[in-house]
Structures are given as C-alpha cells and as structure tokens.
Amino acid sequence: MDGLLYAIIVGAVAGWLAGLIVRGFGFGLLGNIIVGIVGGWLGSWLLGGSIKTGNATLSYILTALIGAVVLLFVISLLSGRRRAV
C-alpha cells in the first residue's frame, strides 16, 4: 500500500510540474496524478531507467517529469492546439 501512495504523490508532483512547463495544460489533481504516473513509465522507458541522483525520490520525480512533459507535448500535437513550451 505504501508503494501505491508513493506513486500517487510522485505522479501528482510530476504532473503538476509538467503542467506548469507545458503551459495551458491543467488537468486537476486526478489528471495530474495520471499524467505523472504515465509520465514516469514513459520517462523510464525513454531514459532506460531513472535519472541517477543522490536522492531516490528526486530521481523518480525528475524521470516522471521528463516523461510527463513529453506526454503533454505529444497530446498537444495530436489535439492540434499550439502550446508554448
């Protein structure tokens, strides 16, 4: 159960930060959690693992953030909306 709560918190933080970076995307708390969790998977896949830092939580957040930004960028391309990055 702790792992699920940890994934939700990391996903929420990463999704929220990605929404700030890719302006115009605000999905609310649940949407940010989903974007962050999917971004974590995508970032881990793109990078071949998580970014290595001295702090595991920071590593997971940065990896999820990169994946979430890529995810939001792809969504913006597919939706036809132009967003400033």
PDB file of N, CA and C in Angstrom:
ATOM      1  N   MET A   1       0.821  -1.195   0.000  1.00  0.00           N
ATOM      2  CA  MET A   1       0.000   0.000   0.000  1.00  0.00           C
ATOM      3  C   MET A   1       0.861   1.252   0.000  1.00  0.00           C
ATOM      4  N   ASP A   2       2.025   1.189   0.653  1.00  0.00           N
ATOM      5  CA  ASP A   2       2.919   2.342   0.682  1.00  0.00           C
ATOM      6  C   ASP A   2       3.414   2.698  -0.716  1.00  0.00           C
ATOM      7  N   GLY A   3       3.686   1.686  -1.533  1.00  0.00           N
ATOM      8  CA  GLY A   3       4.167   1.924  -2.890  1.00  0.00           C
ATOM      9  C   GLY A   3       3.142   2.645  -3.744  1.00  0.00           C
ATOM     10  N   LEU A   4       1.874   2.306  -3.573  1.00  0.00           N
ATOM     11  CA  LEU A   4       0.813   2.966  -4.320  1.00  0.00           C
ATOM     12  C   LEU A   4       0.694   4.431  -3.916  1.00  0.00           C
ATOM     13  N   LEU A   5       0.741   4.691  -2.625  1.00  0.00           N
ATOM     14  CA  LEU A   5       0.671   6.069  -2.134  1.00  0.00           C
ATOM     15  C   LEU A   5       1.872   6.872  -2.627  1.00  0.00           C
ATOM     16  N   TYR A   6       3.041   6.268  -2.613  1.00  0.00           N
ATOM     17  CA  TYR A   6       4.259   6.916  -3.103  1.00  0.00           C
ATOM     18  C   TYR A   6       4.119   7.254  -4.587  1.00  0.00           C
ATOM     19  N   ALA A   7       3.609   6.313  -5.391  1.00  0.00           N
ATOM     20  CA  ALA A   7       3.414   6.548  -6.827  1.00  0.00           C
ATOM     21  C   ALA A   7       2.414   7.675  -7.066  1.00  0.00           C
ATOM     22  N   ILE A   8       1.372   7.745  -6.262  1.00  0.00           N
ATOM     23  CA  ILE A   8       0.374   8.803  -6.404  1.00  0.00           C
ATOM     24  C   ILE A   8       0.986  10.162  -6.090  1.00  0.00           C
ATOM     25  N   ILE A   9       1.782  10.239  -5.025  1.00  0.00           N
ATOM     26  CA  ILE A   9       2.397  11.514  -4.644  1.00  0.00           C
ATOM     27  C   ILE A   9       3.421  11.958  -5.688  1.00  0.00           C
ATOM     28  N   VAL A  10       4.290  11.052  -6.110  1.00  0.00           N
ATOM     29  CA  VAL A  10       5.287  11.379  -7.136  1.00  0.00           C
ATOM     30  C   VAL A  10       4.585  11.756  -8.436  1.00  0.00           C
ATOM     31  N   GLY A  11       3.546  11.023  -8.808  1.00  0.00           N
ATOM     32  CA  GLY A  11       2.785  11.328 -10.016  1.00  0.00           C
ATOM     33  C   GLY A  11       2.124  12.690  -9.954  1.00  0.00           C
ATOM     34  N   ALA A  12       1.566  13.038  -8.803  1.00  0.00           N
ATOM     35  CA  ALA A  12       0.911  14.335  -8.647  1.00  0.00           C
ATOM     36  C   ALA A  12       1.916  15.468  -8.790  1.00  0.00           C
ATOM     37  N   VAL A  13       3.080  15.335  -8.160  1.00  0.00           N
ATOM     38  CA  VAL A  13       4.105  16.369  -8.241  1.00  0.00           C
ATOM     39  C   VAL A  13       4.623  16.501  -9.673  1.00  0.00           C
ATOM     40  N   ALA A  14       4.947  15.384 -10.295  1.00  0.00           N
ATOM     41  CA  ALA A  14       5.481  15.416 -11.659  1.00  0.00           C
ATOM     42  C   ALA A  14       4.441  15.943 -12.645  1.00  0.00           C
ATOM     43  N   GLY A  15       3.194  15.525 -12.508  1.00  0.00           N
ATOM     44  CA  GLY A  15       2.131  16.004 -13.391  1.00  0.00           C
ATOM     45  C   GLY A  15       1.887  17.493 -13.234  1.00  0.00           C
ATOM     46  N   TRP A  16       1.913  17.973 -11.985  1.00  0.00           N
ATOM     47  CA  TRP A  16       1.720  19.395 -11.721  1.00  0.00           C
ATOM     48  C   TRP A  16       2.858  20.219 -12.329  1.00  0.00           C
ATOM     49  N   LEU A  17       4.105  19.777 -12.117  1.00  0.00           N
ATOM     50  CA  LEU A  17       5.248  20.490 -12.682  1.00  0.00           C
ATOM     51  C   LEU A  17       5.220  20.480 -14.211  1.00  0.00           C
ATOM     52  N   ALA A  18       4.864  19.348 -14.795  1.00  0.00           N
ATOM     53  CA  ALA A  18       4.774  19.265 -16.259  1.00  0.00           C
ATOM     54  C   ALA A  18       3.702  20.208 -16.786  1.00  0.00           C
ATOM     55  N   GLY A  19       2.581  20.332 -16.065  1.00  0.00           N
ATOM     56  CA  GLY A  19       1.533  21.263 -16.458  1.00  0.00           C
ATOM     57  C   GLY A  19       2.008  22.702 -16.428  1.00  0.00           C
ATOM     58  N   LEU A  20       2.927  23.025 -15.519  1.00  0.00           N
ATOM     59  CA  LEU A  20       3.499  24.373 -15.463  1.00  0.00           C
ATOM     60  C   LEU A  20       4.475  24.609 -16.620  1.00  0.00           C
ATOM     61  N   ILE A  21       5.235  23.580 -16.957  1.00  0.00           N
ATOM     62  CA  ILE A  21       6.223  23.710 -18.030  1.00  0.00           C
ATOM     63  C   ILE A  21       5.535  23.788 -19.385  1.00  0.00           C
ATOM     64  N   VAL A  22       4.581  22.903 -19.629  1.00  0.00           N
ATOM     65  CA  VAL A  22       3.818  22.908 -20.878  1.00  0.00           C
ATOM     66  C   VAL A  22       2.555  23.708 -20.593  1.00  0.00           C
ATOM     67  N   ARG A  23       2.650  24.996 -20.807  1.00  0.00           N
ATOM     68  CA  ARG A  23       1.563  25.905 -20.438  1.00  0.00           C
ATOM     69  C   ARG A  23       0.258  25.538 -21.129  1.00  0.00           C
ATOM     70  N   GLY A  24      -0.823  25.786 -20.409  1.00  0.00           N
ATOM     71  CA  GLY A  24      -2.147  25.550 -20.973  1.00  0.00           C
ATOM     72  C   GLY A  24      -2.726  24.206 -20.611  1.00  0.00           C
ATOM     73  N   PHE A  25      -1.964  23.379 -19.930  1.00  0.00           N
ATOM     74  CA  PHE A  25      -2.469  22.073 -19.544  1.00  0.00           C
ATOM     75  C   PHE A  25      -2.670  22.037 -18.038  1.00  0.00           C
ATOM     76  N   GLY A  26      -3.919  22.046 -17.641  1.00  0.00           N
ATOM     77  CA  GLY A  26      -4.265  21.886 -16.248  1.00  0.00           C
ATOM     78  C   GLY A  26      -5.355  20.837 -16.159  1.00  0.00           C
ATOM     79  N   PHE A  27      -5.030  19.697 -15.626  1.00  0.00           N
ATOM     80  CA  PHE A  27      -5.977  18.593 -15.587  1.00  0.00           C
ATOM     81  C   PHE A  27      -6.574  18.377 -14.209  1.00  0.00           C
ATOM     82  N   GLY A  28      -6.206  19.187 -13.242  1.00  0.00           N
ATOM     83  CA  GLY A  28      -6.687  18.964 -11.886  1.00  0.00           C
ATOM     84  C   GLY A  28      -5.858  17.900 -11.197  1.00  0.00           C
ATOM     85  N   LEU A  29      -6.173  17.634  -9.956  1.00  0.00           N
ATOM     86  CA  LEU A  29      -5.368  16.708  -9.157  1.00  0.00           C
ATOM     87  C   LEU A  29      -5.344  15.299  -9.745  1.00  0.00           C
ATOM     88  N   LEU A  30      -6.498  14.743 -10.058  1.00  0.00           N
ATOM     89  CA  LEU A  30      -6.546  13.382 -10.598  1.00  0.00           C
ATOM     90  C   LEU A  30      -5.842  13.293 -11.949  1.00  0.00           C
ATOM     91  N   GLY A  31      -6.062  14.285 -12.794  1.00  0.00           N
ATOM     92  CA  GLY A  31      -5.403  14.305 -14.100  1.00  0.00           C
ATOM     93  C   GLY A  31      -3.901  14.421 -13.970  1.00  0.00           C
ATOM     94  N   ASN A  32      -3.440  15.266 -13.030  1.00  0.00           N
ATOM     95  CA  ASN A  32      -2.001  15.406 -12.802  1.00  0.00           C
ATOM     96  C   ASN A  32      -1.389  14.102 -12.317  1.00  0.00           C
ATOM     97  N   ILE A  33      -2.101  13.404 -11.450  1.00  0.00           N
ATOM     98  CA  ILE A  33      -1.604  12.112 -10.958  1.00  0.00           C
ATOM     99  C   ILE A  33      -1.463  11.129 -12.112  1.00  0.00           C
ATOM    100  N   ILE A  34      -2.474  11.057 -12.964  1.00  0.00           N
ATOM    101  CA  ILE A  34      -2.439  10.130 -14.105  1.00  0.00           C
ATOM    102  C   ILE A  34      -1.322  10.507 -15.068  1.00  0.00           C
ATOM    103  N   VAL A  35      -1.221  11.807 -15.402  1.00  0.00           N
ATOM    104  CA  VAL A  35      -0.153  12.265 -16.304  1.00  0.00           C
ATOM    105  C   VAL A  35       1.209  11.963 -15.696  1.00  0.00           C
ATOM    106  N   GLY A  36       1.366  12.189 -14.396  1.00  0.00           N
ATOM    107  CA  GLY A  36       2.647  11.925 -13.738  1.00  0.00           C
ATOM    108  C   GLY A  36       3.004  10.450 -13.700  1.00  0.00           C
ATOM    109  N   ILE A  37       2.031   9.595 -13.426  1.00  0.00           N
ATOM    110  CA  ILE A  37       2.305   8.152 -13.380  1.00  0.00           C
ATOM    111  C   ILE A  37       2.629   7.626 -14.774  1.00  0.00           C
ATOM    112  N   VAL A  38       1.833   8.009 -15.769  1.00  0.00           N
ATOM    113  CA  VAL A  38       2.126   7.601 -17.146  1.00  0.00           C
ATOM    114  C   VAL A  38       3.460   8.208 -17.586  1.00  0.00           C
ATOM    115  N   GLY A  39       3.710   9.455 -17.177  1.00  0.00           N
ATOM    116  CA  GLY A  39       4.986  10.097 -17.484  1.00  0.00           C
ATOM    117  C   GLY A  39       6.159   9.371 -16.849  1.00  0.00           C
ATOM    118  N   GLY A  40       5.960   8.837 -15.653  1.00  0.00           N
ATOM    119  CA  GLY A  40       7.012   8.058 -15.004  1.00  0.00           C
ATOM    120  C   GLY A  40       7.359   6.813 -15.796  1.00  0.00           C
ATOM    121  N   TRP A  41       6.349   6.144 -16.284  1.00  0.00           N
ATOM    122  CA  TRP A  41       6.576   4.956 -17.115  1.00  0.00           C
ATOM    123  C   TRP A  41       7.263   5.348 -18.418  1.00  0.00           C
ATOM    124  N   LEU A  42       6.737   6.398 -19.055  1.00  0.00           N
ATOM    125  CA  LEU A  42       7.293   6.851 -20.327  1.00  0.00           C
ATOM    126  C   LEU A  42       8.726   7.348 -20.154  1.00  0.00           C
ATOM    127  N   GLY A  43       8.982   8.137 -19.120  1.00  0.00           N
ATOM    128  CA  GLY A  43      10.333   8.635 -18.866  1.00  0.00           C
ATOM    129  C   GLY A  43      11.312   7.515 -18.595  1.00  0.00           C
ATOM    130  N   SER A  44      10.885   6.539 -17.828  1.00  0.00           N
ATOM    131  CA  SER A  44      11.740   5.393 -17.526  1.00  0.00           C
ATOM    132  C   SER A  44      12.057   4.604 -18.798  1.00  0.00           C
ATOM    133  N   TRP A  45      11.071   4.473 -19.670  1.00  0.00           N
ATOM    134  CA  TRP A  45      11.254   3.762 -20.931  1.00  0.00           C
ATOM    135  C   TRP A  45      12.193   4.551 -21.851  1.00  0.00           C
ATOM    136  N   LEU A  46      11.970   5.865 -21.952  1.00  0.00           N
ATOM    137  CA  LEU A  46      12.795   6.697 -22.827  1.00  0.00           C
ATOM    138  C   LEU A  46      14.240   6.774 -22.353  1.00  0.00           C
ATOM    139  N   LEU A  47      14.428   6.859 -21.044  1.00  0.00           N
ATOM    140  CA  LEU A  47      15.770   7.025 -20.489  1.00  0.00           C
ATOM    141  C   LEU A  47      16.455   5.707 -20.154  1.00  0.00           C
ATOM    142  N   GLY A  48      15.756   4.603 -20.272  1.00  0.00           N
ATOM    143  CA  GLY A  48      16.328   3.307 -19.939  1.00  0.00           C
ATOM    144  C   GLY A  48      16.493   3.111 -18.440  1.00  0.00           C
ATOM    145  N   GLY A  49      15.657   3.753 -17.660  1.00  0.00           N
ATOM    146  CA  GLY A  49      15.718   3.697 -16.200  1.00  0.00           C
ATOM    147  C   GLY A  49      15.496   5.085 -15.654  1.00  0.00           C
ATOM    148  N   SER A  50      15.716   5.254 -14.375  1.00  0.00           N
ATOM    149  CA  SER A  50      15.507   6.581 -13.798  1.00  0.00           C
ATOM    150  C   SER A  50      16.808   7.370 -13.794  1.00  0.00           C
ATOM    151  N   ILE A  51      16.667   8.678 -13.739  1.00  0.00           N
ATOM    152  CA  ILE A  51      17.824   9.561 -13.644  1.00  0.00           C
ATOM    153  C   ILE A  51      18.511   9.285 -12.311  1.00  0.00           C
ATOM    154  N   LYS A  52      19.819   9.243 -12.332  1.00  0.00           N
ATOM    155  CA  LYS A  52      20.572   8.946 -11.099  1.00  0.00           C
ATOM    156  C   LYS A  52      20.925  10.245 -10.367  1.00  0.00           C
ATOM    157  N   THR A  53      20.384  10.386  -9.177  1.00  0.00           N
ATOM    158  CA  THR A  53      20.753  11.485  -8.281  1.00  0.00           C
ATOM    159  C   THR A  53      21.045  10.859  -6.929  1.00  0.00           C
ATOM    160  N   GLY A  54      21.428  11.646  -5.984  1.00  0.00           N
ATOM    161  CA  GLY A  54      21.691  11.128  -4.653  1.00  0.00           C
ATOM    162  C   GLY A  54      20.424  10.798  -3.886  1.00  0.00           C
ATOM    163  N   ASN A  55      19.283  11.270  -4.364  1.00  0.00           N
ATOM    164  CA  ASN A  55      18.015  11.101  -3.678  1.00  0.00           C
ATOM    165  C   ASN A  55      17.068  10.314  -4.574  1.00  0.00           C
ATOM    166  N   ALA A  56      16.586   9.184  -4.105  1.00  0.00           N
ATOM    167  CA  ALA A  56      15.718   8.324  -4.923  1.00  0.00           C
ATOM    168  C   ALA A  56      14.424   9.029  -5.298  1.00  0.00           C
ATOM    169  N   THR A  57      13.825   9.756  -4.362  1.00  0.00           N
ATOM    170  CA  THR A  57      12.567  10.450  -4.655  1.00  0.00           C
ATOM    171  C   THR A  57      12.771  11.491  -5.745  1.00  0.00           C
ATOM    172  N   LEU A  58      13.841  12.247  -5.656  1.00  0.00           N
ATOM    173  CA  LEU A  58      14.141  13.245  -6.675  1.00  0.00           C
ATOM    174  C   LEU A  58      14.367  12.581  -8.023  1.00  0.00           C
ATOM    175  N   SER A  59      15.032  11.437  -8.033  1.00  0.00           N
ATOM    176  CA  SER A  59      15.257  10.691  -9.273  1.00  0.00           C
ATOM    177  C   SER A  59      13.939  10.311  -9.923  1.00  0.00           C
ATOM    178  N   TYR A  60      13.013   9.789  -9.132  1.00  0.00           N
ATOM    179  CA  TYR A  60      11.711   9.377  -9.673  1.00  0.00           C
ATOM    180  C   TYR A  60      10.906  10.569 -10.159  1.00  0.00           C
ATOM    181  N   ILE A  61      10.952  11.677  -9.427  1.00  0.00           N
ATOM    182  CA  ILE A  61      10.209  12.869  -9.838  1.00  0.00           C
ATOM    183  C   ILE A  61      10.777  13.427 -11.148  1.00  0.00           C
ATOM    184  N   LEU A  62      12.096  13.517 -11.270  1.00  0.00           N
ATOM    185  CA  LEU A  62      12.702  14.039 -12.499  1.00  0.00           C
ATOM    186  C   LEU A  62      12.413  13.136 -13.693  1.00  0.00           C
ATOM    187  N   THR A  63      12.498  11.839 -13.497  1.00  0.00           N
ATOM    188  CA  THR A  63      12.192  10.902 -14.571  1.00  0.00           C
ATOM    189  C   THR A  63      10.735  11.030 -14.991  1.00  0.00           C
ATOM    190  N   ALA A  64       9.821  11.079 -14.022  1.00  0.00           N
ATOM    191  CA  ALA A  64       8.401  11.225 -14.325  1.00  0.00           C
ATOM    192  C   ALA A  64       8.114  12.577 -14.959  1.00  0.00           C
ATOM    193  N   LEU A  65       8.812  13.614 -14.532  1.00  0.00           N
ATOM    194  CA  LEU A  65       8.624  14.946 -15.100  1.00  0.00           C
ATOM    195  C   LEU A  65       9.009  14.965 -16.574  1.00  0.00           C
ATOM    196  N   ILE A  66      10.140  14.378 -16.909  1.00  0.00           N
ATOM    197  CA  ILE A  66      10.562  14.329 -18.316  1.00  0.00           C
ATOM    198  C   ILE A  66       9.535  13.568 -19.152  1.00  0.00           C
ATOM    199  N   GLY A  67       9.107  12.436 -18.659  1.00  0.00           N
ATOM    200  CA  GLY A  67       8.101  11.661 -19.385  1.00  0.00           C
ATOM    201  C   GLY A  67       6.777  12.396 -19.502  1.00  0.00           C
ATOM    202  N   ALA A  68       6.364  13.094 -18.446  1.00  0.00           N
ATOM    203  CA  ALA A  68       5.100  13.826 -18.466  1.00  0.00           C
ATOM    204  C   ALA A  68       5.150  15.001 -19.433  1.00  0.00           C
ATOM    205  N   VAL A  69       6.292  15.691 -19.498  1.00  0.00           N
ATOM    206  CA  VAL A  69       6.432  16.794 -20.458  1.00  0.00           C
ATOM    207  C   VAL A  69       6.351  16.260 -21.884  1.00  0.00           C
ATOM    208  N   VAL A  70       7.019  15.153 -22.147  1.00  0.00           N
ATOM    209  CA  VAL A  70       6.943  14.534 -23.481  1.00  0.00           C
ATOM    210  C   VAL A  70       5.499  14.132 -23.780  1.00  0.00           C
ATOM    211  N   LEU A  71       4.829  13.524 -22.813  1.00  0.00           N
ATOM    212  CA  LEU A  71       3.448  13.102 -22.989  1.00  0.00           C
ATOM    213  C   LEU A  71       2.544  14.292 -23.305  1.00  0.00           C
ATOM    214  N   LEU A  72       2.657  15.385 -22.553  1.00  0.00           N
ATOM    215  CA  LEU A  72       1.826  16.560 -22.787  1.00  0.00           C
ATOM    216  C   LEU A  72       2.149  17.210 -24.127  1.00  0.00           C
ATOM    217  N   PHE A  73       3.407  17.183 -24.520  1.00  0.00           N
ATOM    218  CA  PHE A  73       3.788  17.726 -25.823  1.00  0.00           C
ATOM    219  C   PHE A  73       3.147  16.915 -26.950  1.00  0.00           C
ATOM    220  N   VAL A  74       3.187  15.597 -26.836  1.00  0.00           N
ATOM    221  CA  VAL A  74       2.571  14.734 -27.849  1.00  0.00           C
ATOM    222  C   VAL A  74       1.058  14.952 -27.875  1.00  0.00           C
ATOM    223  N   ILE A  75       0.441  15.068 -26.701  1.00  0.00           N
ATOM    224  CA  ILE A  75      -1.002  15.333 -26.638  1.00  0.00           C
ATOM    225  C   ILE A  75      -1.331  16.647 -27.332  1.00  0.00           C
ATOM    226  N   SER A  76      -0.491  17.676 -27.122  1.00  0.00           N
ATOM    227  CA  SER A  76      -0.756  18.970 -27.756  1.00  0.00           C
ATOM    228  C   SER A  76      -0.613  18.875 -29.271  1.00  0.00           C
ATOM    229  N   LEU A  77       0.331  18.072 -29.744  1.00  0.00           N
ATOM    230  CA  LEU A  77       0.468  17.888 -31.196  1.00  0.00           C
ATOM    231  C   LEU A  77      -0.727  17.150 -31.781  1.00  0.00           C
ATOM    232  N   LEU A  78      -1.183  16.123 -31.089  1.00  0.00           N
ATOM    233  CA  LEU A  78      -2.304  15.338 -31.578  1.00  0.00           C
ATOM    234  C   LEU A  78      -3.628  16.093 -31.509  1.00  0.00           C
ATOM    235  N   SER A  79      -3.754  16.972 -30.537  1.00  0.00           N
ATOM    236  CA  SER A  79      -5.009  17.704 -30.391  1.00  0.00           C
ATOM    237  C   SER A  79      -5.062  18.911 -31.332  1.00  0.00           C
ATOM    238  N   GLY A  80      -3.935  19.261 -31.930  1.00  0.00           N
ATOM    239  CA  GLY A  80      -3.908  20.378 -32.855  1.00  0.00           C
ATOM    240  C   GLY A  80      -3.796  21.733 -32.179  1.00  0.00           C
ATOM    241  N   ARG A  81      -3.706  21.735 -30.856  1.00  0.00           N
ATOM    242  CA  ARG A  81      -3.550  23.005 -30.141  1.00  0.00           C
ATOM    243  C   ARG A  81      -2.088  23.342 -30.040  1.00  0.00           C
ATOM    244  N   ARG A  82      -1.765  24.591 -30.294  1.00  0.00           N
ATOM    245  CA  ARG A  82      -0.384  25.047 -30.156  1.00  0.00           C
ATOM    246  C   ARG A  82      -0.187  25.569 -28.759  1.00  0.00           C
ATOM    247  N   ARG A  83       0.782  25.033 -28.061  1.00  0.00           N
ATOM    248  CA  ARG A  83       1.108  25.463 -26.702  1.00  0.00           C
ATOM    249  C   ARG A  83       2.560  25.896 -26.656  1.00  0.00           C
ATOM    250  N   ALA A  84       2.807  26.937 -25.903  1.00  0.00           N
ATOM    251  CA  ALA A  84       4.192  27.378 -25.716  1.00  0.00           C
ATOM    252  C   ALA A  84       4.861  26.495 -24.692  1.00  0.00           C
ATOM    253  N   VAL A  85       6.084  26.120 -24.964  1.00  0.00           N
ATOM    254  CA  VAL A  85       6.847  25.294 -24.022  1.00  0.00           C
ATOM    255  C   VAL A  85       7.888  26.153 -23.370  1.00  0.00           C
TER     256      VAL A  85
END
